[in-house]
Full PDB file with SEQRES, HELIX, SHEET, SSBOND, CRYST1, ORIGX, SCALE, CONECT and MASTER records, all heavy atoms in Angstrom:
SEQRES   1 A   35  GLY GLY LEU VAL GLN ALA GLY GLY SER LEU ARG LEU SER          
SEQRES   2 A   35  CYS VAL ALA SER GLY ARG THR LEU SER ASN TYR ALA MET          
SEQRES   3 A   35  GLY TRP PHE ARG HIS ALA PRO GLY LYS                          
HELIX    1 AA1 LEU A   21  ASN A   23  5                                   3    
CRYST1    1.000    1.000    1.000  90.00  90.00  90.00 P 1           1          
ORIGX1      1.000000  0.000000  0.000000        0.00000                         
ORIGX2      0.000000  1.000000  0.000000        0.00000                         
ORIGX3      0.000000  0.000000  1.000000        0.00000                         
SCALE1      1.000000  0.000000  0.000000        0.00000                         
SCALE2      0.000000  1.000000  0.000000        0.00000                         
SCALE3      0.000000  0.000000  1.000000        0.00000                         
ATOM      1  N   GLY A   1     -25.822 -49.695 -29.945  1.00  0.00           N  
ATOM      2  CA  GLY A   1     -25.741 -48.722 -30.999  1.00  0.00           C  
ATOM      3  C   GLY A   1     -24.550 -47.811 -30.793  1.00  0.00           C  
ATOM      4  O   GLY A   1     -23.908 -47.788 -29.748  1.00  0.00           O  
ATOM      5  N   GLY A   2     -24.251 -47.020 -31.782  1.00  0.00           N  
ATOM      6  CA  GLY A   2     -23.161 -46.102 -31.711  1.00  0.00           C  
ATOM      7  C   GLY A   2     -22.780 -45.532 -33.075  1.00  0.00           C  
ATOM      8  O   GLY A   2     -23.542 -45.686 -34.042  1.00  0.00           O  
ATOM      9  N   LEU A   3     -21.627 -44.913 -33.132  1.00  0.00           N  
ATOM     10  CA  LEU A   3     -21.091 -44.322 -34.336  1.00  0.00           C  
ATOM     11  C   LEU A   3     -20.031 -45.234 -34.941  1.00  0.00           C  
ATOM     12  O   LEU A   3     -19.119 -45.654 -34.239  1.00  0.00           O  
ATOM     13  CB  LEU A   3     -20.518 -42.955 -34.059  1.00  0.00           C  
ATOM     14  CG  LEU A   3     -19.785 -42.228 -35.183  1.00  0.00           C  
ATOM     15  CD1 LEU A   3     -20.815 -41.869 -36.297  1.00  0.00           C  
ATOM     16  CD2 LEU A   3     -19.143 -40.978 -34.670  1.00  0.00           C  
ATOM     17  N   VAL A   4     -20.160 -45.542 -36.199  1.00  0.00           N  
ATOM     18  CA  VAL A   4     -19.231 -46.432 -36.902  1.00  0.00           C  
ATOM     19  C   VAL A   4     -19.036 -45.938 -38.316  1.00  0.00           C  
ATOM     20  O   VAL A   4     -19.927 -45.316 -38.913  1.00  0.00           O  
ATOM     21  CB  VAL A   4     -19.757 -47.882 -36.884  1.00  0.00           C  
ATOM     22  CG1 VAL A   4     -21.041 -48.021 -37.678  1.00  0.00           C  
ATOM     23  CG2 VAL A   4     -18.694 -48.851 -37.353  1.00  0.00           C  
ATOM     24  N   GLN A   5     -17.859 -46.141 -38.848  1.00  0.00           N  
ATOM     25  CA  GLN A   5     -17.590 -45.715 -40.226  1.00  0.00           C  
ATOM     26  C   GLN A   5     -18.134 -46.739 -41.223  1.00  0.00           C  
ATOM     27  O   GLN A   5     -18.338 -47.916 -40.859  1.00  0.00           O  
ATOM     28  CB  GLN A   5     -16.118 -45.525 -40.449  1.00  0.00           C  
ATOM     29  CG  GLN A   5     -15.254 -46.747 -40.283  1.00  0.00           C  
ATOM     30  CD  GLN A   5     -13.772 -46.463 -40.474  1.00  0.00           C  
ATOM     31  OE1 GLN A   5     -13.377 -45.898 -41.491  1.00  0.00           O  
ATOM     32  NE2 GLN A   5     -12.990 -46.820 -39.495  1.00  0.00           N  
ATOM     33  N   ALA A   6     -18.408 -46.336 -42.418  1.00  0.00           N  
ATOM     34  CA  ALA A   6     -18.917 -47.195 -43.450  1.00  0.00           C  
ATOM     35  C   ALA A   6     -17.978 -48.432 -43.607  1.00  0.00           C  
ATOM     36  O   ALA A   6     -16.754 -48.286 -43.605  1.00  0.00           O  
ATOM     37  CB  ALA A   6     -19.053 -46.460 -44.777  1.00  0.00           C  
ATOM     38  N   GLY A   7     -18.606 -49.583 -43.726  1.00  0.00           N  
ATOM     39  CA  GLY A   7     -17.858 -50.832 -43.811  1.00  0.00           C  
ATOM     40  C   GLY A   7     -17.630 -51.503 -42.491  1.00  0.00           C  
ATOM     41  O   GLY A   7     -17.194 -52.664 -42.476  1.00  0.00           O  
ATOM     42  N   GLY A   8     -17.928 -50.816 -41.404  1.00  0.00           N  
ATOM     43  CA  GLY A   8     -17.702 -51.374 -40.092  1.00  0.00           C  
ATOM     44  C   GLY A   8     -18.873 -52.217 -39.622  1.00  0.00           C  
ATOM     45  O   GLY A   8     -19.838 -52.477 -40.364  1.00  0.00           O  
ATOM     46  N   SER A   9     -18.804 -52.665 -38.365  1.00  0.00           N  
ATOM     47  CA  SER A   9     -19.774 -53.591 -37.845  1.00  0.00           C  
ATOM     48  C   SER A   9     -20.211 -53.113 -36.441  1.00  0.00           C  
ATOM     49  O   SER A   9     -19.499 -52.466 -35.715  1.00  0.00           O  
ATOM     50  CB  SER A   9     -19.181 -54.985 -37.679  1.00  0.00           C  
ATOM     51  OG  SER A   9     -18.845 -55.528 -38.931  1.00  0.00           O  
ATOM     52  N   LEU A  10     -21.464 -53.462 -36.103  1.00  0.00           N  
ATOM     53  CA  LEU A  10     -22.015 -53.312 -34.780  1.00  0.00           C  
ATOM     54  C   LEU A  10     -22.898 -54.508 -34.477  1.00  0.00           C  
ATOM     55  O   LEU A  10     -23.431 -55.123 -35.368  1.00  0.00           O  
ATOM     56  CB  LEU A  10     -22.890 -52.034 -34.682  1.00  0.00           C  
ATOM     57  CG  LEU A  10     -22.177 -50.685 -34.639  1.00  0.00           C  
ATOM     58  CD1 LEU A  10     -23.234 -49.585 -34.731  1.00  0.00           C  
ATOM     59  CD2 LEU A  10     -21.342 -50.523 -33.393  1.00  0.00           C  
ATOM     60  N   ARG A  11     -23.002 -54.802 -33.176  1.00  0.00           N  
ATOM     61  CA  ARG A  11     -23.884 -55.856 -32.727  1.00  0.00           C  
ATOM     62  C   ARG A  11     -24.882 -55.249 -31.729  1.00  0.00           C  
ATOM     63  O   ARG A  11     -24.459 -54.823 -30.653  1.00  0.00           O  
ATOM     64  CB  ARG A  11     -23.160 -57.021 -32.099  1.00  0.00           C  
ATOM     65  CG  ARG A  11     -24.035 -58.236 -31.864  1.00  0.00           C  
ATOM     66  CD  ARG A  11     -23.321 -59.333 -31.118  1.00  0.00           C  
ATOM     67  NE  ARG A  11     -23.917 -60.639 -31.366  1.00  0.00           N  
ATOM     68  CZ  ARG A  11     -23.613 -61.733 -30.723  1.00  0.00           C  
ATOM     69  NH1 ARG A  11     -22.687 -61.727 -29.777  1.00  0.00           N  
ATOM     70  NH2 ARG A  11     -24.214 -62.874 -31.036  1.00  0.00           N  
ATOM     71  N   LEU A  12     -26.167 -55.278 -32.082  1.00  0.00           N  
ATOM     72  CA  LEU A  12     -27.195 -54.796 -31.203  1.00  0.00           C  
ATOM     73  C   LEU A  12     -27.710 -55.934 -30.361  1.00  0.00           C  
ATOM     74  O   LEU A  12     -27.828 -57.062 -30.837  1.00  0.00           O  
ATOM     75  CB  LEU A  12     -28.333 -54.171 -32.004  1.00  0.00           C  
ATOM     76  CG  LEU A  12     -27.953 -53.059 -32.993  1.00  0.00           C  
ATOM     77  CD1 LEU A  12     -29.223 -52.495 -33.650  1.00  0.00           C  
ATOM     78  CD2 LEU A  12     -27.154 -51.952 -32.343  1.00  0.00           C  
ATOM     79  N   SER A  13     -28.120 -55.616 -29.137  1.00  0.00           N  
ATOM     80  CA  SER A  13     -28.724 -56.578 -28.257  1.00  0.00           C  
ATOM     81  C   SER A  13     -30.051 -56.063 -27.767  1.00  0.00           C  
ATOM     82  O   SER A  13     -30.244 -54.846 -27.610  1.00  0.00           O  
ATOM     83  CB  SER A  13     -27.823 -56.847 -27.033  1.00  0.00           C  
ATOM     84  OG  SER A  13     -26.573 -57.390 -27.403  1.00  0.00           O  
ATOM     85  N   CYS A  14     -30.957 -56.939 -27.501  1.00  0.00           N  
ATOM     86  CA  CYS A  14     -32.264 -56.595 -26.948  1.00  0.00           C  
ATOM     87  C   CYS A  14     -32.562 -57.632 -25.845  1.00  0.00           C  
ATOM     88  O   CYS A  14     -32.635 -58.818 -26.110  1.00  0.00           O  
ATOM     89  CB  CYS A  14     -33.316 -56.612 -28.008  1.00  0.00           C  
ATOM     90  SG  CYS A  14     -35.010 -56.362 -27.415  1.00  0.00           S  
ATOM     91  N   VAL A  15     -32.722 -57.147 -24.639  1.00  0.00           N  
ATOM     92  CA  VAL A  15     -32.974 -57.991 -23.490  1.00  0.00           C  
ATOM     93  C   VAL A  15     -34.412 -57.803 -23.048  1.00  0.00           C  
ATOM     94  O   VAL A  15     -34.836 -56.648 -22.828  1.00  0.00           O  
ATOM     95  CB  VAL A  15     -31.985 -57.719 -22.336  1.00  0.00           C  
ATOM     96  CG1 VAL A  15     -32.293 -58.601 -21.135  1.00  0.00           C  
ATOM     97  CG2 VAL A  15     -30.559 -57.929 -22.802  1.00  0.00           C  
ATOM     98  N   ALA A  16     -35.124 -58.867 -22.853  1.00  0.00           N  
ATOM     99  CA  ALA A  16     -36.527 -58.821 -22.433  1.00  0.00           C  
ATOM    100  C   ALA A  16     -36.663 -59.176 -20.967  1.00  0.00           C  
ATOM    101  O   ALA A  16     -35.944 -60.015 -20.445  1.00  0.00           O  
ATOM    102  CB  ALA A  16     -37.375 -59.764 -23.295  1.00  0.00           C  
ATOM    103  N   SER A  17     -37.624 -58.575 -20.328  1.00  0.00           N  
ATOM    104  CA  SER A  17     -38.022 -58.937 -18.970  1.00  0.00           C  
ATOM    105  C   SER A  17     -39.528 -58.912 -18.858  1.00  0.00           C  
ATOM    106  O   SER A  17     -40.240 -58.369 -19.724  1.00  0.00           O  
ATOM    107  CB  SER A  17     -37.422 -57.961 -17.942  1.00  0.00           C  
ATOM    108  OG  SER A  17     -37.879 -56.659 -18.147  1.00  0.00           O  
ATOM    109  N   GLY A  18     -40.024 -59.541 -17.827  1.00  0.00           N  
ATOM    110  CA  GLY A  18     -41.483 -59.638 -17.630  1.00  0.00           C  
ATOM    111  C   GLY A  18     -42.094 -60.933 -18.123  1.00  0.00           C  
ATOM    112  O   GLY A  18     -42.986 -61.450 -17.477  1.00  0.00           O  
ATOM    113  N   ARG A  19     -41.679 -61.380 -19.268  1.00  0.00           N  
ATOM    114  CA  ARG A  19     -42.079 -62.679 -19.871  1.00  0.00           C  
ATOM    115  C   ARG A  19     -40.875 -63.332 -20.469  1.00  0.00           C  
ATOM    116  O   ARG A  19     -39.933 -62.645 -20.908  1.00  0.00           O  
ATOM    117  CB  ARG A  19     -43.157 -62.473 -20.924  1.00  0.00           C  
ATOM    118  CG  ARG A  19     -44.450 -61.802 -20.454  1.00  0.00           C  
ATOM    119  CD  ARG A  19     -45.319 -62.798 -19.727  1.00  0.00           C  
ATOM    120  NE  ARG A  19     -46.613 -62.216 -19.367  1.00  0.00           N  
ATOM    121  CZ  ARG A  19     -47.699 -62.222 -20.142  1.00  0.00           C  
ATOM    122  NH1 ARG A  19     -47.619 -62.849 -21.333  1.00  0.00           N  
ATOM    123  NH2 ARG A  19     -48.829 -61.670 -19.777  1.00  0.00           N  
ATOM    124  N   THR A  20     -40.923 -64.643 -20.572  1.00  0.00           N  
ATOM    125  CA  THR A  20     -39.830 -65.358 -21.216  1.00  0.00           C  
ATOM    126  C   THR A  20     -39.872 -65.074 -22.697  1.00  0.00           C  
ATOM    127  O   THR A  20     -40.904 -65.116 -23.363  1.00  0.00           O  
ATOM    128  CB  THR A  20     -39.891 -66.836 -20.928  1.00  0.00           C  
ATOM    129  OG1 THR A  20     -38.845 -67.508 -21.666  1.00  0.00           O  
ATOM    130  CG2 THR A  20     -41.218 -67.442 -21.363  1.00  0.00           C  
ATOM    131  N   LEU A  21     -38.690 -64.823 -23.269  1.00  0.00           N  
ATOM    132  CA  LEU A  21     -38.574 -64.511 -24.694  1.00  0.00           C  
ATOM    133  C   LEU A  21     -38.985 -65.685 -25.575  1.00  0.00           C  
ATOM    134  O   LEU A  21     -39.352 -65.464 -26.735  1.00  0.00           O  
ATOM    135  CB  LEU A  21     -37.121 -64.084 -25.014  1.00  0.00           C  
ATOM    136  CG  LEU A  21     -36.854 -63.451 -26.358  1.00  0.00           C  
ATOM    137  CD1 LEU A  21     -37.605 -62.158 -26.525  1.00  0.00           C  
ATOM    138  CD2 LEU A  21     -35.351 -63.240 -26.539  1.00  0.00           C  
ATOM    139  N   SER A  22     -38.941 -66.884 -25.034  1.00  0.00           N  
ATOM    140  CA  SER A  22     -39.268 -68.058 -25.835  1.00  0.00           C  
ATOM    141  C   SER A  22     -40.739 -68.063 -26.290  1.00  0.00           C  
ATOM    142  O   SER A  22     -41.089 -68.815 -27.206  1.00  0.00           O  
ATOM    143  CB  SER A  22     -38.963 -69.341 -25.041  1.00  0.00           C  
ATOM    144  OG  SER A  22     -39.802 -69.438 -23.899  1.00  0.00           O  
ATOM    145  N   ASN A  23     -41.596 -67.241 -25.734  1.00  0.00           N  
ATOM    146  CA  ASN A  23     -42.987 -67.195 -26.106  1.00  0.00           C  
ATOM    147  C   ASN A  23     -43.260 -66.210 -27.249  1.00  0.00           C  
ATOM    148  O   ASN A  23     -44.407 -66.044 -27.661  1.00  0.00           O  
ATOM    149  CB  ASN A  23     -43.861 -66.808 -24.917  1.00  0.00           C  
ATOM    150  CG  ASN A  23     -43.873 -67.877 -23.847  1.00  0.00           C  
ATOM    151  OD1 ASN A  23     -43.909 -69.045 -24.150  1.00  0.00           O  
ATOM    152  ND2 ASN A  23     -43.848 -67.457 -22.596  1.00  0.00           N  
ATOM    153  N   TYR A  24     -42.234 -65.546 -27.782  1.00  0.00           N  
ATOM    154  CA  TYR A  24     -42.418 -64.476 -28.748  1.00  0.00           C  
ATOM    155  C   TYR A  24     -41.530 -64.637 -29.948  1.00  0.00           C  
ATOM    156  O   TYR A  24     -40.377 -64.995 -29.841  1.00  0.00           O  
ATOM    157  CB  TYR A  24     -42.109 -63.139 -28.082  1.00  0.00           C  
ATOM    158  CG  TYR A  24     -43.010 -62.775 -26.948  1.00  0.00           C  
ATOM    159  CD1 TYR A  24     -42.750 -63.214 -25.641  1.00  0.00           C  
ATOM    160  CD2 TYR A  24     -44.180 -62.023 -27.164  1.00  0.00           C  
ATOM    161  CE1 TYR A  24     -43.611 -62.905 -24.621  1.00  0.00           C  
ATOM    162  CE2 TYR A  24     -44.982 -61.716 -26.114  1.00  0.00           C  
ATOM    163  CZ  TYR A  24     -44.751 -62.151 -24.848  1.00  0.00           C  
ATOM    164  OH  TYR A  24     -45.575 -61.826 -23.817  1.00  0.00           O  
ATOM    165  N   ALA A  25     -42.110 -64.363 -31.116  1.00  0.00           N  
ATOM    166  CA  ALA A  25     -41.283 -64.034 -32.256  1.00  0.00           C  
ATOM    167  C   ALA A  25     -40.729 -62.618 -32.063  1.00  0.00           C  
ATOM    168  O   ALA A  25     -41.380 -61.788 -31.403  1.00  0.00           O  
ATOM    169  CB  ALA A  25     -42.070 -64.093 -33.559  1.00  0.00           C  
ATOM    170  N   MET A  26     -39.540 -62.362 -32.573  1.00  0.00           N  
ATOM    171  CA  MET A  26     -38.886 -61.091 -32.368  1.00  0.00           C  
ATOM    172  C   MET A  26     -38.509 -60.465 -33.677  1.00  0.00           C  
ATOM    173  O   MET A  26     -38.141 -61.125 -34.635  1.00  0.00           O  
ATOM    174  CB  MET A  26     -37.627 -61.279 -31.513  1.00  0.00           C  
ATOM    175  CG  MET A  26     -37.845 -61.835 -30.117  1.00  0.00           C  
ATOM    176  SD  MET A  26     -38.814 -60.733 -29.059  1.00  0.00           S  
ATOM    177  CE  MET A  26     -37.707 -59.342 -28.950  1.00  0.00           C  
ATOM    178  N   GLY A  27     -38.630 -59.126 -33.723  1.00  0.00           N  
ATOM    179  CA  GLY A  27     -38.238 -58.387 -34.878  1.00  0.00           C  
ATOM    180  C   GLY A  27     -37.373 -57.201 -34.578  1.00  0.00           C  
ATOM    181  O   GLY A  27     -37.370 -56.698 -33.418  1.00  0.00           O  
ATOM    182  N   TRP A  28     -36.649 -56.750 -35.601  1.00  0.00           N  
ATOM    183  CA  TRP A  28     -35.897 -55.506 -35.512  1.00  0.00           C  
ATOM    184  C   TRP A  28     -36.471 -54.606 -36.610  1.00  0.00           C  
ATOM    185  O   TRP A  28     -36.668 -54.990 -37.754  1.00  0.00           O  
ATOM    186  CB  TRP A  28     -34.418 -55.721 -35.764  1.00  0.00           C  
ATOM    187  CG  TRP A  28     -33.678 -56.305 -34.621  1.00  0.00           C  
ATOM    188  CD1 TRP A  28     -33.356 -57.624 -34.409  1.00  0.00           C  
ATOM    189  CD2 TRP A  28     -33.139 -55.598 -33.484  1.00  0.00           C  
ATOM    190  NE1 TRP A  28     -32.656 -57.755 -33.255  1.00  0.00           N  
ATOM    191  CE2 TRP A  28     -32.490 -56.544 -32.664  1.00  0.00           C  
ATOM    192  CE3 TRP A  28     -33.101 -54.254 -33.127  1.00  0.00           C  
ATOM    193  CZ2 TRP A  28     -31.873 -56.184 -31.471  1.00  0.00           C  
ATOM    194  CZ3 TRP A  28     -32.485 -53.905 -31.952  1.00  0.00           C  
ATOM    195  CH2 TRP A  28     -31.865 -54.880 -31.139  1.00  0.00           C  
ATOM    196  N   PHE A  29     -36.725 -53.335 -36.224  1.00  0.00           N  
ATOM    197  CA  PHE A  29     -37.145 -52.305 -37.120  1.00  0.00           C  
ATOM    198  C   PHE A  29     -36.200 -51.100 -36.976  1.00  0.00           C  
ATOM    199  O   PHE A  29     -35.480 -50.995 -35.995  1.00  0.00           O  
ATOM    200  CB  PHE A  29     -38.592 -51.874 -36.812  1.00  0.00           C  
ATOM    201  CG  PHE A  29     -39.601 -52.906 -37.115  1.00  0.00           C  
ATOM    202  CD1 PHE A  29     -39.814 -53.977 -36.248  1.00  0.00           C  
ATOM    203  CD2 PHE A  29     -40.368 -52.814 -38.249  1.00  0.00           C  
ATOM    204  CE1 PHE A  29     -40.756 -54.937 -36.536  1.00  0.00           C  
ATOM    205  CE2 PHE A  29     -41.333 -53.768 -38.556  1.00  0.00           C  
ATOM    206  CZ  PHE A  29     -41.538 -54.828 -37.695  1.00  0.00           C  
ATOM    207  N   ARG A  30     -36.266 -50.216 -37.948  1.00  0.00           N  
ATOM    208  CA  ARG A  30     -35.462 -48.994 -37.833  1.00  0.00           C  
ATOM    209  C   ARG A  30     -36.256 -47.830 -38.359  1.00  0.00           C  
ATOM    210  O   ARG A  30     -37.140 -47.969 -39.180  1.00  0.00           O  
ATOM    211  CB  ARG A  30     -34.123 -49.121 -38.589  1.00  0.00           C  
ATOM    212  CG  ARG A  30     -34.241 -49.330 -40.080  1.00  0.00           C  
ATOM    213  CD  ARG A  30     -32.849 -49.644 -40.657  1.00  0.00           C  
ATOM    214  NE  ARG A  30     -32.887 -49.765 -42.099  1.00  0.00           N  
ATOM    215  CZ  ARG A  30     -31.871 -50.188 -42.841  1.00  0.00           C  
ATOM    216  NH1 ARG A  30     -30.712 -50.522 -42.240  1.00  0.00           N  
ATOM    217  NH2 ARG A  30     -31.981 -50.272 -44.148  1.00  0.00           N  
ATOM    218  N   HIS A  31     -35.906 -46.651 -37.838  1.00  0.00           N  
ATOM    219  CA  HIS A  31     -36.598 -45.441 -38.213  1.00  0.00           C  
ATOM    220  C   HIS A  31     -35.534 -44.358 -38.438  1.00  0.00           C  
ATOM    221  O   HIS A  31     -34.868 -43.920 -37.506  1.00  0.00           O  
ATOM    222  CB  HIS A  31     -37.571 -45.037 -37.115  1.00  0.00           C  
ATOM    223  CG  HIS A  31     -38.487 -43.906 -37.537  1.00  0.00           C  
ATOM    224  ND1 HIS A  31     -39.307 -43.247 -36.620  1.00  0.00           N  
ATOM    225  CD2 HIS A  31     -38.746 -43.353 -38.742  1.00  0.00           C  
ATOM    226  CE1 HIS A  31     -40.006 -42.325 -37.271  1.00  0.00           C  
ATOM    227  NE2 HIS A  31     -39.708 -42.383 -38.531  1.00  0.00           N  
ATOM    228  N   ALA A  32     -35.403 -43.963 -39.682  1.00  0.00           N  
ATOM    229  CA  ALA A  32     -34.457 -42.908 -40.048  1.00  0.00           C  
ATOM    230  C   ALA A  32     -35.179 -41.597 -40.315  1.00  0.00           C  
ATOM    231  O   ALA A  32     -36.335 -41.601 -40.687  1.00  0.00           O  
ATOM    232  CB  ALA A  32     -33.677 -43.333 -41.323  1.00  0.00           C  
ATOM    233  N   PRO A  33     -34.501 -40.473 -40.138  1.00  0.00           N  
ATOM    234  CA  PRO A  33     -35.141 -39.183 -40.434  1.00  0.00           C  
ATOM    235  C   PRO A  33     -35.644 -39.119 -41.846  1.00  0.00           C  
ATOM    236  O   PRO A  33     -34.957 -39.481 -42.803  1.00  0.00           O  
ATOM    237  CB  PRO A  33     -33.966 -38.158 -40.182  1.00  0.00           C  
ATOM    238  CG  PRO A  33     -33.071 -38.861 -39.236  1.00  0.00           C  
ATOM    239  CD  PRO A  33     -33.120 -40.308 -39.594  1.00  0.00           C  
ATOM    240  N   GLY A  34     -36.859 -38.639 -41.993  1.00  0.00           N  
ATOM    241  CA  GLY A  34     -37.470 -38.508 -43.296  1.00  0.00           C  
ATOM    242  C   GLY A  34     -38.036 -39.777 -43.905  1.00  0.00           C  
ATOM    243  O   GLY A  34     -38.513 -39.739 -45.030  1.00  0.00           O  
ATOM    244  N   LYS A  35     -37.944 -40.877 -43.181  1.00  0.00           N  
ATOM    245  CA  LYS A  35     -38.445 -42.178 -43.635  1.00  0.00           C  
ATOM    246  C   LYS A  35     -39.399 -42.761 -42.614  1.00  0.00           C  
ATOM    247  O   LYS A  35     -39.382 -42.414 -41.448  1.00  0.00           O  
ATOM    248  CB  LYS A  35     -37.295 -43.155 -43.858  1.00  0.00           C  
ATOM    249  CG  LYS A  35     -36.275 -42.705 -44.932  1.00  0.00           C  
ATOM    250  CD  LYS A  35     -35.183 -43.767 -45.069  1.00  0.00           C  
ATOM    251  CE  LYS A  35     -34.158 -43.375 -46.110  1.00  0.00           C  
ATOM    252  NZ  LYS A  35     -33.090 -44.399 -46.212  1.00  0.00           N  
TER     253      LYS A  35                                                      
MASTER        0    0    0    1    0    0    0    6  252    1    0    3          
END                                                                             
């Protein structure tokens, strides 16, 4: 994550430990102020 101007791009990563990721479906959610 970070600060980017409109029209720009970012790539988020999520690394799992404790269990192999292959056993799970994965999702991304977001939480904005007031929502």
